[in-house]
N, C-alpha and C. Protein backbone atom coordinates (compact mmCIF):
# COMPACT_ATOMS: atom_id res chain seq x y z
N MET A 1 -32.98 22.05 20.49
CA MET A 1 -33.51 21.64 19.20
C MET A 1 -34.67 20.67 19.43
N ALA A 2 -35.78 21.02 18.92
CA ALA A 2 -36.97 20.20 19.11
C ALA A 2 -36.97 19.01 18.15
N ARG A 3 -36.44 19.18 16.98
CA ARG A 3 -36.40 18.08 16.02
C ARG A 3 -34.95 17.74 15.71
N THR A 4 -34.73 16.56 15.17
CA THR A 4 -33.38 16.13 14.83
C THR A 4 -32.95 16.83 13.56
N GLU A 5 -31.82 17.53 13.65
CA GLU A 5 -31.30 18.25 12.49
C GLU A 5 -29.88 17.81 12.23
N THR A 6 -29.49 17.83 10.99
CA THR A 6 -28.12 17.50 10.65
C THR A 6 -27.27 18.75 10.75
N ALA A 7 -25.97 18.57 10.69
CA ALA A 7 -25.06 19.72 10.73
C ALA A 7 -25.29 20.63 9.54
N ARG A 8 -25.67 20.06 8.40
CA ARG A 8 -25.92 20.86 7.20
C ARG A 8 -27.14 21.76 7.41
N ASP A 9 -28.17 21.23 8.07
CA ASP A 9 -29.35 22.05 8.37
C ASP A 9 -28.98 23.20 9.29
N ASP A 10 -28.11 22.92 10.28
CA ASP A 10 -27.69 23.96 11.21
C ASP A 10 -26.93 25.06 10.48
N LEU A 11 -26.02 24.67 9.58
CA LEU A 11 -25.24 25.67 8.84
C LEU A 11 -26.14 26.47 7.91
N ALA A 12 -27.06 25.79 7.27
CA ALA A 12 -27.94 26.48 6.34
C ALA A 12 -28.82 27.48 7.07
N GLY A 13 -29.25 27.14 8.28
CA GLY A 13 -30.06 28.07 9.05
C GLY A 13 -29.25 29.23 9.59
N ALA A 14 -27.95 29.03 9.82
CA ALA A 14 -27.11 30.06 10.41
C ALA A 14 -26.67 31.09 9.38
N LEU A 15 -26.57 30.69 8.11
CA LEU A 15 -26.09 31.59 7.07
C LEU A 15 -27.28 32.18 6.31
N PRO A 16 -27.43 33.49 6.30
CA PRO A 16 -28.57 34.08 5.58
C PRO A 16 -28.47 33.92 4.07
N GLU A 17 -27.25 33.86 3.51
CA GLU A 17 -27.10 33.76 2.06
C GLU A 17 -27.01 32.31 1.61
N SER A 18 -27.38 31.36 2.44
CA SER A 18 -27.24 29.94 2.10
C SER A 18 -28.11 29.55 0.90
N ASP A 19 -29.18 30.28 0.63
CA ASP A 19 -30.02 29.95 -0.52
C ASP A 19 -29.30 30.22 -1.84
N SER A 20 -28.35 31.14 -1.84
CA SER A 20 -27.65 31.47 -3.08
C SER A 20 -26.45 30.56 -3.33
N LEU A 21 -26.02 29.77 -2.32
CA LEU A 21 -24.88 28.88 -2.50
C LEU A 21 -25.30 27.65 -3.31
N PRO A 22 -24.46 27.22 -4.27
CA PRO A 22 -24.79 26.01 -5.03
C PRO A 22 -24.63 24.78 -4.14
N ARG A 23 -25.49 23.81 -4.32
CA ARG A 23 -25.41 22.56 -3.55
C ARG A 23 -24.84 21.48 -4.45
N ARG A 24 -23.91 20.74 -3.90
CA ARG A 24 -23.30 19.64 -4.64
C ARG A 24 -23.43 18.38 -3.79
N ASP A 25 -23.98 17.35 -4.35
CA ASP A 25 -24.13 16.08 -3.65
C ASP A 25 -23.09 15.10 -4.16
N LEU A 26 -22.60 14.26 -3.26
CA LEU A 26 -21.66 13.20 -3.62
C LEU A 26 -22.43 11.92 -3.88
N VAL A 27 -22.04 11.22 -4.93
CA VAL A 27 -22.70 9.97 -5.28
C VAL A 27 -21.66 8.86 -5.22
N VAL A 28 -21.98 7.77 -4.56
CA VAL A 28 -21.08 6.62 -4.47
C VAL A 28 -21.33 5.72 -5.66
N ILE A 29 -20.28 5.43 -6.41
CA ILE A 29 -20.38 4.56 -7.58
C ILE A 29 -19.75 3.23 -7.21
N SER A 30 -20.53 2.18 -7.27
CA SER A 30 -19.99 0.86 -6.92
C SER A 30 -19.10 0.35 -8.04
N GLY A 31 -18.33 -0.68 -7.74
CA GLY A 31 -17.46 -1.27 -8.74
C GLY A 31 -16.00 -1.04 -8.43
N GLY A 32 -15.69 -0.44 -7.32
CA GLY A 32 -14.31 -0.24 -6.91
C GLY A 32 -13.75 -1.51 -6.31
N ALA A 33 -12.72 -1.35 -5.54
CA ALA A 33 -12.09 -2.49 -4.88
C ALA A 33 -13.05 -3.08 -3.86
N ALA A 34 -12.98 -4.38 -3.70
CA ALA A 34 -13.84 -5.05 -2.73
C ALA A 34 -13.47 -4.61 -1.32
N PRO A 35 -14.45 -4.39 -0.47
CA PRO A 35 -14.13 -3.97 0.89
C PRO A 35 -13.39 -5.08 1.63
N GLY A 36 -12.41 -4.70 2.40
CA GLY A 36 -11.63 -5.67 3.15
C GLY A 36 -10.46 -6.24 2.38
N PHE A 37 -10.34 -5.93 1.10
CA PHE A 37 -9.23 -6.44 0.29
C PHE A 37 -8.00 -5.59 0.55
N ARG A 38 -6.93 -6.23 0.94
CA ARG A 38 -5.67 -5.52 1.15
C ARG A 38 -4.62 -6.10 0.21
N PRO A 39 -3.98 -5.28 -0.60
CA PRO A 39 -2.95 -5.82 -1.49
C PRO A 39 -1.78 -6.39 -0.69
N ILE A 40 -1.29 -7.52 -1.14
CA ILE A 40 -0.16 -8.19 -0.49
C ILE A 40 1.06 -7.98 -1.37
N PRO A 41 2.19 -7.60 -0.78
CA PRO A 41 3.39 -7.40 -1.60
C PRO A 41 3.81 -8.68 -2.30
N ALA A 42 4.42 -8.53 -3.47
CA ALA A 42 4.83 -9.68 -4.26
C ALA A 42 5.84 -10.55 -3.51
N ARG A 43 6.78 -9.92 -2.85
CA ARG A 43 7.79 -10.66 -2.08
C ARG A 43 7.80 -10.13 -0.65
N PRO A 44 7.48 -10.96 0.30
CA PRO A 44 7.53 -10.47 1.69
C PRO A 44 8.97 -10.20 2.10
N LEU A 45 9.15 -9.28 2.99
CA LEU A 45 10.48 -8.91 3.44
C LEU A 45 10.91 -9.67 4.68
N SER A 46 10.24 -10.78 4.99
CA SER A 46 10.56 -11.51 6.21
C SER A 46 11.98 -12.07 6.18
N GLY A 47 12.45 -12.53 5.03
CA GLY A 47 13.82 -13.03 4.94
C GLY A 47 14.84 -11.96 5.23
N PHE A 48 14.58 -10.77 4.72
CA PHE A 48 15.47 -9.64 4.96
C PHE A 48 15.51 -9.30 6.44
N LEU A 49 14.34 -9.25 7.07
CA LEU A 49 14.29 -8.92 8.49
C LEU A 49 14.92 -10.01 9.34
N ALA A 50 14.69 -11.28 8.98
CA ALA A 50 15.28 -12.38 9.73
C ALA A 50 16.80 -12.33 9.63
N GLN A 51 17.32 -11.97 8.47
CA GLN A 51 18.77 -11.87 8.32
C GLN A 51 19.33 -10.77 9.21
N LEU A 52 18.64 -9.66 9.28
CA LEU A 52 19.11 -8.57 10.13
C LEU A 52 19.12 -8.97 11.60
N ILE A 53 18.14 -9.78 11.99
CA ILE A 53 18.03 -10.16 13.40
C ILE A 53 19.02 -11.26 13.76
N VAL A 54 19.17 -12.29 12.91
CA VAL A 54 19.94 -13.47 13.27
C VAL A 54 21.32 -13.56 12.64
N SER A 55 21.60 -12.79 11.65
CA SER A 55 22.85 -12.93 10.92
C SER A 55 24.05 -12.64 11.81
N VAL A 56 25.06 -13.50 11.68
CA VAL A 56 26.31 -13.29 12.41
C VAL A 56 27.10 -12.17 11.76
N GLU A 57 27.04 -12.15 10.43
CA GLU A 57 27.74 -11.13 9.68
C GLU A 57 26.85 -9.89 9.57
N PRO A 58 27.37 -8.72 9.92
CA PRO A 58 26.52 -7.53 9.93
C PRO A 58 26.21 -6.95 8.55
N THR A 59 26.84 -7.47 7.49
CA THR A 59 26.57 -6.93 6.16
C THR A 59 25.27 -7.52 5.61
N LEU A 60 24.67 -6.82 4.69
CA LEU A 60 23.43 -7.28 4.09
C LEU A 60 23.71 -8.24 2.95
N ARG A 61 22.74 -9.09 2.64
CA ARG A 61 22.89 -10.02 1.52
C ARG A 61 22.89 -9.25 0.22
N PRO A 62 23.58 -9.78 -0.79
CA PRO A 62 23.52 -9.15 -2.11
C PRO A 62 22.09 -9.23 -2.66
N SER A 63 21.81 -8.39 -3.62
CA SER A 63 20.46 -8.37 -4.20
C SER A 63 20.19 -9.68 -4.94
N ARG A 64 18.93 -9.92 -5.23
CA ARG A 64 18.54 -11.14 -5.94
C ARG A 64 19.21 -11.20 -7.31
N LEU A 65 19.31 -10.07 -7.99
CA LEU A 65 19.94 -10.04 -9.31
C LEU A 65 21.42 -10.42 -9.22
N GLU A 66 22.11 -9.89 -8.22
CA GLU A 66 23.53 -10.23 -8.05
C GLU A 66 23.71 -11.70 -7.71
N ARG A 67 22.84 -12.25 -6.86
CA ARG A 67 22.94 -13.67 -6.52
C ARG A 67 22.65 -14.55 -7.73
N THR A 68 21.70 -14.13 -8.56
CA THR A 68 21.38 -14.90 -9.77
C THR A 68 22.56 -14.89 -10.74
N ARG A 69 23.16 -13.74 -10.93
CA ARG A 69 24.33 -13.65 -11.83
C ARG A 69 25.49 -14.50 -11.31
N SER A 70 25.72 -14.44 -10.00
CA SER A 70 26.81 -15.22 -9.41
C SER A 70 26.55 -16.72 -9.58
N ALA A 71 25.32 -17.16 -9.34
CA ALA A 71 24.99 -18.57 -9.50
C ALA A 71 25.12 -19.00 -10.95
N ALA A 72 24.68 -18.16 -11.89
CA ALA A 72 24.80 -18.50 -13.31
C ALA A 72 26.26 -18.62 -13.72
N ALA A 73 27.10 -17.74 -13.19
CA ALA A 73 28.53 -17.81 -13.50
C ALA A 73 29.14 -19.09 -12.93
N ARG A 74 28.74 -19.48 -11.72
CA ARG A 74 29.26 -20.72 -11.14
C ARG A 74 28.81 -21.94 -11.94
N TYR A 75 27.55 -21.96 -12.36
CA TYR A 75 27.05 -23.08 -13.16
C TYR A 75 27.77 -23.15 -14.50
N ALA A 76 28.02 -22.01 -15.11
CA ALA A 76 28.73 -21.99 -16.40
C ALA A 76 30.16 -22.49 -16.23
N GLU A 77 30.80 -22.09 -15.14
CA GLU A 77 32.17 -22.55 -14.87
C GLU A 77 32.20 -24.06 -14.63
N ALA A 78 31.22 -24.56 -13.89
CA ALA A 78 31.15 -26.01 -13.64
C ALA A 78 30.87 -26.77 -14.94
N ALA A 79 30.08 -26.20 -15.83
CA ALA A 79 29.78 -26.86 -17.10
C ALA A 79 31.01 -26.89 -17.99
N ARG A 80 31.84 -25.85 -17.95
CA ARG A 80 33.07 -25.83 -18.76
C ARG A 80 34.07 -26.87 -18.27
N ARG A 81 34.13 -27.08 -16.97
CA ARG A 81 35.07 -28.06 -16.41
C ARG A 81 34.64 -29.49 -16.73
N ALA A 82 33.36 -29.72 -16.87
CA ALA A 82 32.87 -31.08 -17.09
C ALA A 82 33.02 -31.53 -18.50
């Protein structure tokens, strides 16, 4: 190749019916997510992983909702006794 050609030029030259094919160009529209931005999860799972690694008891912790309900029940019971 004497001159610099793109792959599209090569394909167009190789296909005799390339003049009849419709050409579609892609246009980049700005305004999307900022480059380099990575979404961070709302709650990191490090506590869960640490429990699996260090926990003496092999069972998993109850869910946050179950722990909240249990704590609310304990507080209500303590308030009734007082």
